[in-house]
């Protein structure tokens, strides 16, 4: 493995730190990247048996606690819609969801999975006092919040990370590389640079 891969600090952020960010977290981790994942919501929300009947958890609730709670509520329903499988994957990656707003660590790349999440991450970063002036590239890859799209989105994020790893001048070459990815994937990426 290229040693530079582990030195690139990557974060993936969605609303709940459940599906999209965790799928990418798992894949990037398997590929040797130094990665963490986060949500930006006030609470963790998982689909319930009907619209307006979501399962709402505090970010301090572990994935294991959520898994057993839904198992108790309706094992068949949550097994059929894939939520139990997702939570089982999540609990093997880390203990609990984390909020991006509570993290003080620095990253080289932050991927968001939705424009509203991108706006929130940029707002959080720009509201903090700049200390090190270390740049962080924030890139939005719009991913529909379902299991199939999360898998495809994770593959795109992973491929972008691998390409960025091989850029000789990340600061100057990243925009051109993202344009190439836009043509290849048919997706439009938002990209900005913030500073720590």
C-alpha atoms as a PDB file:
ATOM      1  CA  UNK A   1       0.000   0.000   0.000  1.00  0.00           C
ATOM      2  CA  UNK A   2       1.178   3.501  -0.855  1.00  0.00           C
ATOM      3  CA  UNK A   3       2.063   5.094   2.482  1.00  0.00           C
ATOM      4  CA  UNK A   4       0.673   8.445   1.350  1.00  0.00           C
ATOM      5  CA  UNK A   5      -2.824   6.918   1.378  1.00  0.00           C
ATOM      6  CA  UNK A   6      -2.886   6.631   5.121  1.00  0.00           C
ATOM      7  CA  UNK A   7      -1.598  10.210   5.529  1.00  0.00           C
ATOM      8  CA  UNK A   8      -4.525  11.769   3.621  1.00  0.00           C
ATOM      9  CA  UNK A   9      -7.120  12.640   6.298  1.00  0.00           C
ATOM     10  CA  UNK A  10     -10.614  12.106   4.920  1.00  0.00           C
ATOM     11  CA  UNK A  11     -14.071  12.745   6.415  1.00  0.00           C
ATOM     12  CA  UNK A  12     -17.423  11.730   4.926  1.00  0.00           C
ATOM     13  CA  UNK A  13     -20.533  13.548   6.149  1.00  0.00           C
ATOM     14  CA  UNK A  14     -24.265  12.939   5.647  1.00  0.00           C
ATOM     15  CA  UNK A  15     -27.275  13.883   7.794  1.00  0.00           C
ATOM     16  CA  UNK A  16     -27.448  10.932  10.193  1.00  0.00           C
ATOM     17  CA  UNK A  17     -24.041   9.178   9.950  1.00  0.00           C
ATOM     18  CA  UNK A  18     -25.919   5.992   9.052  1.00  0.00           C
ATOM     19  CA  UNK A  19     -26.146   5.044   5.393  1.00  0.00           C
ATOM     20  CA  UNK A  20     -24.198   7.154   2.885  1.00  0.00           C
ATOM     21  CA  UNK A  21     -21.333   8.323   5.104  1.00  0.00           C
ATOM     22  CA  UNK A  22     -20.930   4.887   6.706  1.00  0.00           C
ATOM     23  CA  UNK A  23     -20.911   3.028   3.374  1.00  0.00           C
ATOM     24  CA  UNK A  24     -18.094   5.320   2.185  1.00  0.00           C
ATOM     25  CA  UNK A  25     -16.353   5.074   5.599  1.00  0.00           C
ATOM     26  CA  UNK A  26     -16.329   1.278   5.374  1.00  0.00           C
ATOM     27  CA  UNK A  27     -15.018   1.196   1.800  1.00  0.00           C
ATOM     28  CA  UNK A  28     -12.324   3.856   2.311  1.00  0.00           C
ATOM     29  CA  UNK A  29     -11.182   2.122   5.491  1.00  0.00           C
ATOM     30  CA  UNK A  30     -10.837  -1.197   3.619  1.00  0.00           C
ATOM     31  CA  UNK A  31      -8.763   0.594   0.963  1.00  0.00           C
ATOM     32  CA  UNK A  32      -6.335   1.871   3.601  1.00  0.00           C
ATOM     33  CA  UNK A  33      -7.468   5.470   3.947  1.00  0.00           C
ATOM     34  CA  UNK A  34      -7.396   7.409   7.234  1.00  0.00           C
ATOM     35  CA  UNK A  35     -11.131   8.111   7.349  1.00  0.00           C
ATOM     36  CA  UNK A  36     -13.840   9.237   9.769  1.00  0.00           C
ATOM     37  CA  UNK A  37     -17.544   9.803   9.234  1.00  0.00           C
ATOM     38  CA  UNK A  38     -20.110  12.185  10.661  1.00  0.00           C
ATOM     39  CA  UNK A  39     -23.671  13.478  10.540  1.00  0.00           C
ATOM     40  CA  UNK A  40     -24.882  17.069  10.791  1.00  0.00           C
ATOM     41  CA  UNK A  41     -28.436  16.541  12.087  1.00  0.00           C
ATOM     42  CA  UNK A  42     -29.657  17.486  15.555  1.00  0.00           C
ATOM     43  CA  UNK A  43     -30.724  13.854  16.036  1.00  0.00           C
ATOM     44  CA  UNK A  44     -30.234  10.557  14.227  1.00  0.00           C
ATOM     45  CA  UNK A  45     -33.361   9.685  12.243  1.00  0.00           C
ATOM     46  CA  UNK A  46     -34.092   6.239  10.817  1.00  0.00           C
ATOM     47  CA  UNK A  47     -37.151   5.279   8.745  1.00  0.00           C
ATOM     48  CA  UNK A  48     -40.101   3.971  10.719  1.00  0.00           C
ATOM     49  CA  UNK A  49     -43.191   1.943   9.844  1.00  0.00           C
ATOM     50  CA  UNK A  50     -44.977   4.963   8.305  1.00  0.00           C
ATOM     51  CA  UNK A  51     -44.225   8.541   7.183  1.00  0.00           C
ATOM     52  CA  UNK A  52     -44.003  10.747  10.244  1.00  0.00           C
ATOM     53  CA  UNK A  53     -43.187   7.747  12.456  1.00  0.00           C
ATOM     54  CA  UNK A  54     -39.405   7.863  12.272  1.00  0.00           C
ATOM     55  CA  UNK A  55     -37.135   6.332  14.865  1.00  0.00           C
ATOM     56  CA  UNK A  56     -35.271   9.248  16.466  1.00  0.00           C
ATOM     57  CA  UNK A  57     -32.094   8.757  18.504  1.00  0.00           C
ATOM     58  CA  UNK A  58     -29.568  10.932  20.264  1.00  0.00           C
ATOM     59  CA  UNK A  59     -26.101  10.947  18.644  1.00  0.00           C
ATOM     60  CA  UNK A  60     -24.788   9.333  21.867  1.00  0.00           C
ATOM     61  CA  UNK A  61     -26.859   6.195  21.146  1.00  0.00           C
ATOM     62  CA  UNK A  62     -24.645   3.367  19.892  1.00  0.00           C
ATOM     63  CA  UNK A  63     -25.360   1.537  16.640  1.00  0.00           C
ATOM     64  CA  UNK A  64     -25.726  -1.626  18.725  1.00  0.00           C
ATOM     65  CA  UNK A  65     -28.421  -0.012  20.895  1.00  0.00           C
ATOM     66  CA  UNK A  66     -30.308   1.132  17.785  1.00  0.00           C
ATOM     67  CA  UNK A  67     -29.993  -2.356  16.273  1.00  0.00           C
ATOM     68  CA  UNK A  68     -31.491  -4.022  19.350  1.00  0.00           C
ATOM     69  CA  UNK A  69     -34.197  -1.368  19.705  1.00  0.00           C
ATOM     70  CA  UNK A  70     -35.445  -1.977  16.147  1.00  0.00           C
ATOM     71  CA  UNK A  71     -35.052  -5.731  16.539  1.00  0.00           C
ATOM     72  CA  UNK A  72     -37.416  -5.495  19.511  1.00  0.00           C
ATOM     73  CA  UNK A  73     -39.881  -3.150  17.736  1.00  0.00           C
ATOM     74  CA  UNK A  74     -40.340  -5.157  14.504  1.00  0.00           C
ATOM     75  CA  UNK A  75     -37.581  -7.528  13.410  1.00  0.00           C
ATOM     76  CA  UNK A  76     -39.253  -8.533  10.124  1.00  0.00           C
ATOM     77  CA  UNK A  77     -39.979  -4.966   8.990  1.00  0.00           C
ATOM     78  CA  UNK A  78     -36.479  -3.648   9.719  1.00  0.00           C
ATOM     79  CA  UNK A  79     -34.820  -6.735   8.250  1.00  0.00           C
ATOM     80  CA  UNK A  80     -36.834  -6.391   5.017  1.00  0.00           C
ATOM     81  CA  UNK A  81     -36.056  -2.703   4.515  1.00  0.00           C
ATOM     82  CA  UNK A  82     -32.324  -3.276   5.136  1.00  0.00           C
ATOM     83  CA  UNK A  83     -32.036  -1.101   8.264  1.00  0.00           C
ATOM     84  CA  UNK A  84     -30.855  -3.976  10.494  1.00  0.00           C
ATOM     85  CA  UNK A  85     -28.206  -4.972   7.947  1.00  0.00           C
ATOM     86  CA  UNK A  86     -27.040  -1.350   7.735  1.00  0.00           C
ATOM     87  CA  UNK A  87     -26.820  -1.000  11.536  1.00  0.00           C
ATOM     88  CA  UNK A  88     -24.968  -4.302  11.774  1.00  0.00           C
ATOM     89  CA  UNK A  89     -22.399  -2.999   9.268  1.00  0.00           C
ATOM     90  CA  UNK A  90     -22.140   0.312  11.141  1.00  0.00           C
ATOM     91  CA  UNK A  91     -21.501  -1.283  14.542  1.00  0.00           C
ATOM     92  CA  UNK A  92     -18.591  -3.229  13.033  1.00  0.00           C
ATOM     93  CA  UNK A  93     -17.014   0.034  11.821  1.00  0.00           C
ATOM     94  CA  UNK A  94     -17.377   2.221  14.928  1.00  0.00           C
ATOM     95  CA  UNK A  95     -19.289   2.519  18.194  1.00  0.00           C
ATOM     96  CA  UNK A  96     -21.791   5.302  17.517  1.00  0.00           C
ATOM     97  CA  UNK A  97     -22.682   8.104  15.093  1.00  0.00           C
ATOM     98  CA  UNK A  98     -20.776  11.364  15.496  1.00  0.00           C
ATOM     99  CA  UNK A  99     -21.776  14.972  14.805  1.00  0.00           C
ATOM    100  CA  UNK A 100     -19.478  16.974  12.564  1.00  0.00           C
ATOM    101  CA  UNK A 101     -20.174  20.112  14.607  1.00  0.00           C
ATOM    102  CA  UNK A 102     -18.560  18.457  17.666  1.00  0.00           C
ATOM    103  CA  UNK A 103     -15.317  17.449  15.908  1.00  0.00           C
ATOM    104  CA  UNK A 104     -12.254  19.664  16.257  1.00  0.00           C
ATOM    105  CA  UNK A 105      -9.940  17.445  14.178  1.00  0.00           C
ATOM    106  CA  UNK A 106      -8.442  18.660  10.905  1.00  0.00           C
ATOM    107  CA  UNK A 107      -8.958  16.913   7.559  1.00  0.00           C
ATOM    108  CA  UNK A 108      -7.480  17.281   4.077  1.00  0.00           C
ATOM    109  CA  UNK A 109     -10.705  16.277   2.333  1.00  0.00           C
ATOM    110  CA  UNK A 110     -14.306  16.381   3.504  1.00  0.00           C
ATOM    111  CA  UNK A 111     -16.948  14.723   1.326  1.00  0.00           C
ATOM    112  CA  UNK A 112     -20.598  15.565   1.863  1.00  0.00           C
ATOM    113  CA  UNK A 113     -23.472  13.528   0.423  1.00  0.00           C
ATOM    114  CA  UNK A 114     -26.121  16.247   0.023  1.00  0.00           C
ATOM    115  CA  UNK A 115     -26.083  19.984  -0.742  1.00  0.00           C
ATOM    116  CA  UNK A 116     -27.732  20.917   2.588  1.00  0.00           C
ATOM    117  CA  UNK A 117     -25.029  18.954   4.423  1.00  0.00           C
ATOM    118  CA  UNK A 118     -22.328  20.639   2.303  1.00  0.00           C
ATOM    119  CA  UNK A 119     -23.743  24.067   3.238  1.00  0.00           C
ATOM    120  CA  UNK A 120     -23.767  23.110   6.935  1.00  0.00           C
ATOM    121  CA  UNK A 121     -20.175  21.805   6.887  1.00  0.00           C
ATOM    122  CA  UNK A 122     -18.906  24.935   5.111  1.00  0.00           C
ATOM    123  CA  UNK A 123     -20.846  27.124   7.575  1.00  0.00           C
ATOM    124  CA  UNK A 124     -19.330  25.268  10.564  1.00  0.00           C
ATOM    125  CA  UNK A 125     -15.792  25.531   9.176  1.00  0.00           C
ATOM    126  CA  UNK A 126     -16.135  29.226   8.281  1.00  0.00           C
ATOM    127  CA  UNK A 127     -17.579  30.097  11.710  1.00  0.00           C
ATOM    128  CA  UNK A 128     -14.484  28.786  13.515  1.00  0.00           C
ATOM    129  CA  UNK A 129     -11.465  30.923  14.221  1.00  0.00           C
ATOM    130  CA  UNK A 130      -8.638  30.144  11.788  1.00  0.00           C
ATOM    131  CA  UNK A 131      -5.662  28.829  13.733  1.00  0.00           C
ATOM    132  CA  UNK A 132      -3.353  26.808  11.476  1.00  0.00           C
ATOM    133  CA  UNK A 133      -4.554  28.155   8.085  1.00  0.00           C
ATOM    134  CA  UNK A 134      -4.369  24.533   6.881  1.00  0.00           C
ATOM    135  CA  UNK A 135      -6.613  24.165   3.790  1.00  0.00           C
ATOM    136  CA  UNK A 136      -9.414  21.594   3.647  1.00  0.00           C
ATOM    137  CA  UNK A 137     -11.204  20.734   0.407  1.00  0.00           C
ATOM    138  CA  UNK A 138     -14.951  20.266   0.877  1.00  0.00           C
ATOM    139  CA  UNK A 139     -16.542  18.306  -1.981  1.00  0.00           C
ATOM    140  CA  UNK A 140     -20.231  17.483  -2.337  1.00  0.00           C
ATOM    141  CA  UNK A 141     -21.179  14.279  -4.130  1.00  0.00           C
ATOM    142  CA  UNK A 142     -25.000  14.152  -4.220  1.00  0.00           C
ATOM    143  CA  UNK A 143     -26.087  10.655  -3.176  1.00  0.00           C
ATOM    144  CA  UNK A 144     -29.716   9.560  -2.894  1.00  0.00           C
ATOM    145  CA  UNK A 145     -30.300   8.090   0.578  1.00  0.00           C
ATOM    146  CA  UNK A 146     -30.901   4.442  -0.284  1.00  0.00           C
ATOM    147  CA  UNK A 147     -28.660   1.380  -0.049  1.00  0.00           C
ATOM    148  CA  UNK A 148     -27.932   1.005  -3.783  1.00  0.00           C
ATOM    149  CA  UNK A 149     -27.072   4.682  -4.313  1.00  0.00           C
ATOM    150  CA  UNK A 150     -24.959   4.712  -1.132  1.00  0.00           C
ATOM    151  CA  UNK A 151     -22.833   1.885  -2.567  1.00  0.00           C
ATOM    152  CA  UNK A 152     -22.395   3.697  -5.897  1.00  0.00           C
ATOM    153  CA  UNK A 153     -21.621   6.974  -4.134  1.00  0.00           C
ATOM    154  CA  UNK A 154     -19.012   5.295  -1.931  1.00  0.00           C
ATOM    155  CA  UNK A 155     -17.277   3.912  -5.032  1.00  0.00           C
ATOM    156  CA  UNK A 156     -17.170   7.402  -6.597  1.00  0.00           C
ATOM    157  CA  UNK A 157     -15.792   8.972  -3.389  1.00  0.00           C
ATOM    158  CA  UNK A 158     -13.173   6.229  -3.120  1.00  0.00           C
ATOM    159  CA  UNK A 159     -12.099   6.691  -6.742  1.00  0.00           C
ATOM    160  CA  UNK A 160     -11.831  10.472  -6.254  1.00  0.00           C
ATOM    161  CA  UNK A 161      -9.648   9.895  -3.160  1.00  0.00           C
ATOM    162  CA  UNK A 162      -7.394   7.521  -5.082  1.00  0.00           C
ATOM    163  CA  UNK A 163      -7.001  10.053  -7.923  1.00  0.00           C
ATOM    164  CA  UNK A 164      -6.330  12.948  -5.528  1.00  0.00           C
ATOM    165  CA  UNK A 165      -3.668  10.796  -3.898  1.00  0.00           C
ATOM    166  CA  UNK A 166      -1.754  10.756  -7.173  1.00  0.00           C
ATOM    167  CA  UNK A 167      -1.977  14.480  -7.943  1.00  0.00           C
ATOM    168  CA  UNK A 168       1.435  16.098  -7.761  1.00  0.00           C
ATOM    169  CA  UNK A 169      -0.143  19.471  -6.843  1.00  0.00           C
ATOM    170  CA  UNK A 170      -3.491  18.925  -5.151  1.00  0.00           C
ATOM    171  CA  UNK A 171      -4.261  22.634  -4.653  1.00  0.00           C
ATOM    172  CA  UNK A 172      -3.919  23.447  -8.367  1.00  0.00           C
ATOM    173  CA  UNK A 173      -4.993  20.173  -9.999  1.00  0.00           C
ATOM    174  CA  UNK A 174      -8.078  19.178  -8.002  1.00  0.00           C
ATOM    175  CA  UNK A 175     -10.596  21.314  -9.978  1.00  0.00           C
ATOM    176  CA  UNK A 176      -9.566  19.815 -13.319  1.00  0.00           C
ATOM    177  CA  UNK A 177      -9.715  16.320 -11.851  1.00  0.00           C
ATOM    178  CA  UNK A 178     -13.237  16.934 -10.477  1.00  0.00           C
ATOM    179  CA  UNK A 179     -14.373  18.203 -13.913  1.00  0.00           C
ATOM    180  CA  UNK A 180     -13.155  14.927 -15.407  1.00  0.00           C
ATOM    181  CA  UNK A 181     -15.201  13.033 -12.800  1.00  0.00           C
ATOM    182  CA  UNK A 182     -18.277  15.152 -13.561  1.00  0.00           C
ATOM    183  CA  UNK A 183     -18.086  14.099 -17.222  1.00  0.00           C
ATOM    184  CA  UNK A 184     -17.458  10.469 -16.278  1.00  0.00           C
ATOM    185  CA  UNK A 185     -20.268  10.156 -13.684  1.00  0.00           C
ATOM    186  CA  UNK A 186     -22.808  12.684 -14.987  1.00  0.00           C
ATOM    187  CA  UNK A 187     -22.883  14.241 -11.489  1.00  0.00           C
ATOM    188  CA  UNK A 188     -22.169  17.877 -10.651  1.00  0.00           C
ATOM    189  CA  UNK A 189     -19.797  18.306  -7.696  1.00  0.00           C
ATOM    190  CA  UNK A 190     -19.697  21.331  -5.420  1.00  0.00           C
ATOM    191  CA  UNK A 191     -16.172  22.179  -4.258  1.00  0.00           C
ATOM    192  CA  UNK A 192     -14.739  24.831  -2.008  1.00  0.00           C
ATOM    193  CA  UNK A 193     -11.657  25.339   0.127  1.00  0.00           C
ATOM    194  CA  UNK A 194     -11.943  26.293   3.805  1.00  0.00           C
ATOM    195  CA  UNK A 195      -9.129  26.878   6.309  1.00  0.00           C
ATOM    196  CA  UNK A 196      -8.498  25.679   9.852  1.00  0.00           C
END
